[in-house]
Protein backbone atom coordinates (compact mmCIF):
# COMPACT_ATOMS: atom_id res chain seq x y z
CA MET A 1 -0.04 0.02 -0.02
CA GLU A 2 1.31 3.46 -0.98
CA LYS A 3 2.38 5.62 1.99
CA LYS A 4 0.40 8.77 2.47
CA SER A 5 2.13 12.14 1.97
CA PHE A 6 1.13 14.66 4.63
CA LYS A 7 1.37 18.35 3.86
CA GLU A 8 0.24 19.79 7.26
CA THR A 9 0.31 18.57 10.84
CA VAL A 10 -1.92 19.27 13.81
CA GLY A 11 -0.62 19.18 17.42
CA ILE A 12 -3.06 18.56 20.22
CA ASP A 13 -2.45 18.91 23.91
CA ILE A 14 -5.15 16.94 25.73
CA SER A 15 -6.53 17.69 29.20
CA LYS A 16 -9.61 16.34 30.94
CA ASP A 17 -12.05 18.85 29.43
CA VAL A 18 -10.14 20.81 26.75
CA LEU A 19 -8.13 20.20 23.62
CA ASP A 20 -5.53 22.83 22.73
CA VAL A 21 -4.93 22.57 18.98
CA THR A 22 -2.27 24.05 16.72
CA LEU A 23 -1.94 23.96 12.97
CA HIS A 24 1.81 23.93 12.27
CA LEU A 25 2.22 25.66 8.87
CA ALA A 26 -0.90 27.95 9.32
CA LYS A 27 0.40 28.86 12.89
CA LEU A 28 -3.17 28.91 14.21
CA HIS A 29 -4.32 27.89 17.66
CA HIS A 30 -7.78 27.06 18.95
CA GLN A 31 -9.48 25.30 21.84
CA PHE A 32 -12.14 22.65 21.66
CA SER A 33 -13.98 20.62 24.26
CA ASN A 34 -12.75 17.08 24.88
CA HIS A 35 -16.14 15.71 23.89
CA LEU A 36 -17.85 14.53 20.72
CA LYS A 37 -19.17 17.94 19.86
CA GLY A 38 -15.64 19.33 20.23
CA PHE A 39 -14.23 16.54 18.00
CA ARG A 40 -16.66 17.44 15.21
CA GLU A 41 -15.87 21.08 15.50
CA LEU A 42 -12.11 20.21 15.40
CA LEU A 43 -12.45 18.51 12.00
CA LYS A 44 -14.45 21.47 10.55
CA TRP A 45 -11.76 23.87 11.76
CA ILE A 46 -8.94 21.87 10.26
CA LYS A 47 -10.79 21.68 6.91
CA ALA A 48 -11.44 25.44 6.98
CA HIS A 49 -7.94 26.67 7.95
CA SER A 50 -5.34 24.07 6.86
CA GLY A 51 -5.69 24.60 3.19
CA TYR A 52 -5.47 20.87 2.57
CA PRO A 53 -7.97 17.92 2.57
CA LEU A 54 -8.07 15.81 5.70
CA GLU A 55 -6.25 13.02 3.88
CA GLN A 56 -3.12 15.19 3.71
CA VAL A 57 -3.26 16.34 7.35
CA LEU A 58 -1.61 14.32 10.15
CA ILE A 59 -2.92 14.73 13.72
CA CYS A 60 -0.58 14.08 16.59
CA PHE A 61 -1.15 14.01 20.34
CA GLU A 62 0.33 12.44 23.44
CA HIS A 63 -0.86 9.16 24.89
CA THR A 64 -2.62 10.32 28.06
CA GLY A 65 -4.62 7.21 28.81
CA MET A 66 -8.35 7.72 29.42
CA TYR A 67 -8.23 11.42 28.43
CA SER A 68 -6.93 10.64 24.90
CA LEU A 69 -9.04 7.50 24.28
CA PRO A 70 -12.30 9.29 23.22
CA LEU A 71 -10.49 11.39 20.57
CA ALA A 72 -8.56 8.35 19.35
CA THR A 73 -11.79 6.34 19.06
CA PHE A 74 -13.47 9.21 17.13
CA LEU A 75 -10.63 9.65 14.68
CA SER A 76 -10.40 5.90 14.10
CA LYS A 77 -14.12 5.65 13.35
CA ASN A 78 -13.84 8.52 10.88
CA LYS A 79 -10.64 7.03 9.31
CA ILE A 80 -8.57 10.14 10.10
CA ALA A 81 -4.81 9.56 10.26
CA TYR A 82 -3.29 10.24 13.65
CA VAL A 83 -0.30 9.46 15.82
CA MET A 84 -0.18 8.91 19.59
CA GLU A 85 3.29 9.40 20.98
CA SER A 86 4.82 9.34 24.48
CA SER A 87 5.51 12.73 26.06
CA LEU A 88 9.11 11.67 26.63
CA GLN A 89 9.69 10.91 22.93
CA ILE A 90 8.36 14.30 21.90
CA LYS A 91 10.24 16.16 24.64
CA ARG A 92 13.64 14.53 23.87
CA SER A 93 13.31 14.94 20.16
CA LEU A 94 12.86 18.73 20.31
CA GLY A 95 15.72 19.38 22.69
CA ILE A 96 15.85 22.13 25.33
CA ALA A 97 12.53 24.05 25.65
CA ARG A 98 11.78 27.19 27.62
CA GLY A 99 8.30 27.90 29.02
CA LYS A 100 5.34 25.57 29.21
CA ASN A 101 1.59 25.81 28.87
CA ASP A 102 -1.06 24.00 26.95
CA LYS A 103 -0.83 26.27 23.90
CA ILE A 104 2.98 25.94 23.76
CA ASP A 105 2.72 22.20 24.20
CA SER A 106 0.27 21.85 21.28
CA ARG A 107 2.69 23.91 19.08
CA ARG A 108 5.61 21.67 19.97
CA ILE A 109 3.61 18.56 19.26
CA ALA A 110 2.62 19.95 15.85
CA GLN A 111 6.29 20.83 15.17
CA TYR A 112 7.41 17.29 16.20
CA ALA A 113 4.81 15.70 13.89
CA TYR A 114 5.81 17.96 10.96
CA MET A 115 9.51 17.16 11.29
CA ARG A 116 8.74 13.43 11.26
CA ARG A 117 5.60 13.34 9.17
CA ASP A 118 7.09 10.89 6.62
CA SER A 119 8.43 8.43 9.21
CA LEU A 120 5.79 8.35 11.95
CA LYS A 121 3.68 5.26 12.14
CA ILE A 122 -0.02 5.83 11.89
CA TYR A 123 -1.68 4.62 15.10
CA GLN A 124 -4.14 1.73 14.97
CA LEU A 125 -6.64 1.63 17.88
CA PRO A 126 -6.49 -1.68 19.67
CA SER A 127 -9.53 -4.01 19.54
CA ALA A 128 -12.30 -3.76 22.10
CA SER A 129 -10.98 -6.93 23.79
CA LEU A 130 -7.47 -5.53 24.11
CA GLN A 131 -8.75 -2.19 25.45
CA LYS A 132 -10.73 -4.06 28.08
CA LEU A 133 -7.74 -6.18 29.06
CA GLN A 134 -5.66 -3.00 29.39
CA GLU A 135 -8.20 -1.46 31.77
CA LEU A 136 -8.40 -4.64 33.84
CA LEU A 137 -4.60 -4.87 33.99
CA SER A 138 -4.43 -1.23 35.26
CA LEU A 139 -7.09 -1.92 37.85
CA ARG A 140 -5.36 -5.10 39.01
CA GLU A 141 -2.08 -3.23 39.33
CA ARG A 142 -3.68 -0.61 41.59
CA LEU A 143 -5.28 -3.28 43.78
CA VAL A 144 -2.04 -5.27 44.04
CA LYS A 145 -0.25 -2.07 45.06
CA GLN A 146 -2.82 -1.35 47.76
CA ARG A 147 -2.63 -4.97 49.02
CA ASN A 148 1.16 -4.78 49.16
CA GLY A 149 0.85 -1.60 51.16
CA PHE A 150 -1.38 -3.25 53.75
CA LYS A 151 0.90 -6.32 53.87
CA SER A 152 3.97 -4.17 54.43
CA ALA A 153 2.32 -2.09 57.13
CA LEU A 154 0.97 -5.23 58.90
CA LYS A 155 4.34 -6.82 58.84
CA SER A 156 6.00 -3.89 60.54
CA GLN A 157 3.16 -3.58 63.12
CA LYS A 158 3.46 -7.22 64.03
CA GLN A 159 7.03 -6.56 65.09
CA MET A 160 6.07 -3.59 67.26
CA LEU A 161 2.52 -4.29 68.50
CA THR A 162 0.63 -7.19 70.03
CA ARG A 163 -2.67 -8.54 68.67
CA LYS A 164 -4.06 -8.65 72.22
CA ASN A 165 -3.74 -4.90 72.78
CA ASN A 166 -4.51 -3.90 69.14
CA PRO A 167 -7.14 -6.28 67.81
CA LEU A 168 -8.85 -3.77 65.50
CA ILE A 169 -5.57 -2.61 63.82
CA PHE A 170 -4.77 -6.20 62.89
CA SER A 171 -8.30 -7.42 61.98
CA VAL A 172 -9.16 -4.49 59.72
CA GLN A 173 -5.96 -4.77 57.68
CA GLU A 174 -6.21 -8.54 57.41
CA LYS A 175 -9.81 -8.22 56.12
CA MET A 176 -8.71 -5.59 53.62
CA ILE A 177 -5.94 -7.91 52.35
CA GLU A 178 -8.40 -10.72 52.09
CA GLN A 179 -10.98 -8.63 50.15
CA LEU A 180 -8.36 -7.20 47.81
CA SER A 181 -7.13 -10.69 47.07
CA ILE A 182 -10.73 -11.74 46.25
CA GLN A 183 -11.12 -8.77 43.87
CA ILE A 184 -7.75 -9.42 42.24
CA LYS A 185 -8.78 -13.04 41.54
CA ALA A 186 -12.05 -11.86 40.09
CA ILE A 187 -10.22 -9.47 37.73
CA GLU A 188 -7.86 -12.25 36.64
CA LYS A 189 -10.80 -14.53 36.00
CA GLU A 190 -12.43 -11.86 33.78
CA MET A 191 -9.18 -11.39 31.87
CA LYS A 192 -8.96 -15.10 31.21
CA SER A 193 -12.55 -15.07 30.00
CA ILE A 194 -11.80 -12.24 27.55
CA ILE A 195 -8.79 -14.10 26.15
CA GLU A 196 -10.75 -17.34 25.80
CA ALA A 197 -13.61 -15.60 23.96
CA ASP A 198 -11.38 -13.96 21.34
CA PRO A 199 -9.92 -16.50 18.90
CA GLU A 200 -6.99 -14.28 17.93
CA LEU A 201 -6.05 -13.45 21.49
CA LYS A 202 -6.42 -17.04 22.57
CA SER A 203 -4.18 -18.36 19.79
CA ILE A 204 -1.38 -15.80 20.39
CA TYR A 205 -1.66 -16.15 24.15
CA LYS A 206 -1.10 -19.95 23.94
CA LEU A 207 2.01 -19.37 21.84
CA VAL A 208 3.39 -16.76 24.25
CA ILE A 209 2.94 -18.89 27.38
CA SER A 210 4.59 -21.90 25.65
CA VAL A 211 7.90 -20.14 26.43
CA LYS A 212 9.08 -21.25 29.89
CA GLY A 213 9.12 -18.35 32.37
CA ILE A 214 6.16 -16.58 30.66
CA GLY A 215 3.06 -16.85 32.82
CA PHE A 216 -0.48 -15.45 32.75
CA ILE A 217 0.27 -11.85 33.93
CA ILE A 218 3.26 -11.14 31.70
CA GLY A 219 1.59 -12.97 28.86
CA THR A 220 -1.40 -10.66 29.10
CA HIS A 221 0.83 -7.65 29.35
CA LEU A 222 2.56 -8.76 26.14
CA LEU A 223 -0.78 -9.03 24.33
CA VAL A 224 -1.73 -5.56 25.43
CA ASN A 225 1.43 -3.48 25.01
CA THR A 226 2.37 -5.16 21.64
CA GLN A 227 -1.22 -4.94 20.47
CA CYS A 228 -1.18 -8.63 19.56
CA PHE A 229 2.43 -8.19 18.22
CA THR A 230 1.47 -5.59 15.61
CA ARG A 231 2.96 -2.52 17.34
CA PHE A 232 6.57 -3.60 17.17
CA GLU A 233 8.33 -4.77 13.97
CA ASN A 234 10.76 -7.17 15.73
CA ALA A 235 12.03 -8.47 19.04
CA ARG A 236 14.84 -5.93 19.10
CA GLN A 237 12.38 -3.03 19.06
CA TYR A 238 10.38 -4.50 21.86
CA ALA A 239 13.55 -5.36 23.92
CA CYS A 240 14.47 -1.59 23.63
CA TYR A 241 10.92 -0.65 24.79
CA CYS A 242 11.37 -3.06 27.82
CA GLY A 243 14.84 -1.79 28.60
CA VAL A 244 16.54 -5.17 28.21
CA ALA A 245 18.38 -4.54 24.91
CA PRO A 246 22.11 -3.83 25.42
CA PHE A 247 23.67 -0.77 23.75
CA GLU A 248 27.30 -0.08 23.06
CA HIS A 249 28.80 2.88 24.87
CA SER A 250 31.95 3.99 23.08
CA SER A 251 33.38 6.88 21.05
CA GLY A 252 36.71 6.97 19.21
CA THR A 253 39.63 5.66 21.15
CA SER A 254 39.06 7.62 24.43
CA ILE A 255 35.60 6.26 25.53
CA ARG A 256 35.23 2.57 26.07
CA GLY A 257 32.32 2.15 28.41
CA LYS A 258 30.48 -1.04 29.26
CA THR A 259 27.66 -2.20 27.03
CA LYS A 260 24.52 -1.35 28.97
CA VAL A 261 20.76 -1.01 28.69
CA SER A 262 18.91 2.30 28.41
CA HIS A 263 17.08 3.61 31.46
CA TYR A 264 14.30 4.88 29.23
CA ALA A 265 11.98 1.92 29.34
CA ASN A 266 8.66 0.51 30.41
CA LYS A 267 9.68 -0.18 34.02
CA LYS A 268 6.61 -2.34 34.70
CA ILE A 269 7.20 -4.83 31.86
CA LYS A 270 10.90 -4.80 32.60
CA SER A 271 10.25 -5.90 36.20
CA LEU A 272 7.92 -8.62 34.93
CA PHE A 273 10.61 -9.97 32.58
CA ASP A 274 12.99 -9.91 35.55
CA LEU A 275 10.65 -12.33 37.36
CA ALA A 276 10.14 -14.35 34.24
CA ALA A 277 13.96 -14.67 33.74
CA ARG A 278 14.45 -15.87 37.29
CA THR A 279 11.67 -18.43 36.90
CA ALA A 280 13.12 -19.61 33.52
CA ILE A 281 16.54 -20.08 35.02
CA GLN A 282 15.02 -22.49 37.49
CA ASN A 283 12.81 -24.41 35.04
CA ASP A 284 14.46 -24.21 31.63
CA PRO A 285 17.61 -26.43 31.38
CA GLU A 286 19.06 -24.44 28.52
CA LEU A 287 18.78 -21.07 30.20
CA LYS A 288 19.90 -22.49 33.55
CA TYR A 289 22.99 -23.90 31.83
CA TYR A 290 23.54 -20.61 30.05
CA TYR A 291 23.19 -18.50 33.27
CA GLU A 292 25.45 -20.77 35.37
CA SER A 293 28.15 -21.13 32.72
CA ARG A 294 28.33 -17.42 32.18
CA VAL A 295 28.48 -16.62 35.84
CA GLU A 296 31.27 -19.21 36.30
CA LYS A 297 33.27 -17.42 33.63
CA GLY A 298 33.17 -14.23 35.68
CA LYS A 299 30.24 -12.39 34.14
CA SER A 300 28.13 -10.40 36.57
CA LYS A 301 24.93 -12.00 37.60
CA MET A 302 22.84 -8.94 36.71
CA SER A 303 24.27 -8.71 33.17
CA VAL A 304 23.65 -12.44 32.56
CA LEU A 305 20.14 -12.07 33.99
CA ASN A 306 19.50 -9.26 31.54
CA ALA A 307 20.73 -11.50 28.73
CA VAL A 308 18.18 -14.12 29.82
CA ARG A 309 15.43 -11.46 29.74
CA ASN A 310 16.54 -10.54 26.23
CA LYS A 311 16.48 -14.19 25.18
CA LEU A 312 12.90 -14.56 26.50
CA VAL A 313 11.76 -11.47 24.43
CA HIS A 314 13.31 -13.04 21.33
CA ARG A 315 11.75 -16.47 22.05
CA VAL A 316 8.32 -14.95 22.44
CA PHE A 317 8.53 -13.02 19.22
CA ALA A 318 9.84 -16.07 17.36
CA VAL A 319 7.02 -18.37 18.44
CA VAL A 320 4.41 -15.75 17.44
CA LYS A 321 6.06 -15.10 14.05
CA ARG A 322 6.39 -18.80 13.43
CA GLY A 323 2.89 -19.67 14.65
CA THR A 324 4.02 -22.75 16.60
CA PRO A 325 4.63 -23.26 20.31
CA PHE A 326 8.16 -23.15 21.76
CA VAL A 327 9.96 -26.55 21.54
CA PRO A 328 13.02 -27.08 23.77
CA LEU A 329 15.85 -28.58 21.84
CA PHE A 330 18.61 -28.32 24.45
CA ARG A 331 20.57 -31.49 25.32
CA PRO A 332 22.73 -30.99 28.40
CA ASN A 333 25.17 -33.79 27.49
CA VAL A 334 25.75 -32.26 24.06
CA ALA A 335 26.29 -28.76 25.53
CA ALA A 336 28.70 -30.14 28.10
């Protein structure tokens, strides 16, 4: 399919109730409500002032979760080309900036989109099933965080207080932990039902969890943040997104730093891959042999653990691309 050529770009800074919008070449700014009526007025305004048909205009805004979803849904339904980018990506690409407000931010987003209009990837809204999974994952994460907070507080209090003298303090927190655990299980049950009911999700999910170390939670995260493995072109890209891909750090003959990962990453998925790597080392003979042999040769445990995380990412992408479950081929006696 021929790639669209965009002549104008629109930058939008999204808040709860208002859209601050800037046309880059026309240097015009306007505000619209962050509701359906405002979205319709936005398209009329672009048509009237851009000087180009909508097919030649690229809209760009930051990914702000629930605040940006209504606009993204509207644009997708109307088949309008748009890009959702992370705020960090836009900020770093434009260098040092002075001053900040919603109008300035919309202008910078428009500038960012114009500079990269030929290389930006048009955003595809995830399916309804993936959107629901994403909301449930976010809710589960908040409940798990609350439960961990109660567990931590209760553990400290047990060292300092006695149940006999403080029965209410103990019983209330124990009941909260119990209720949160029940709700977390209910959310996980609903997530499993969504995956089972969607043939595409179910098929890809089974391939993903065939890799040892990849369980239900990280498997679901993989479905969501790769958008069923359509958002990233290859395993290397996703490894960079997770912060597990090593990068060389050198320049000329004077700088010879260690190869290291970038600290710009999805910290949540990176922590999940850390747990997955530790599990894989215990249960996968090949990765266990790889880890132990590298450590014996003097490699640091953390660097080898990161290599295992990277291997898991590549294994997952390989099984999805191939369309068949992971098959262990490692033979310890051959490797030895």
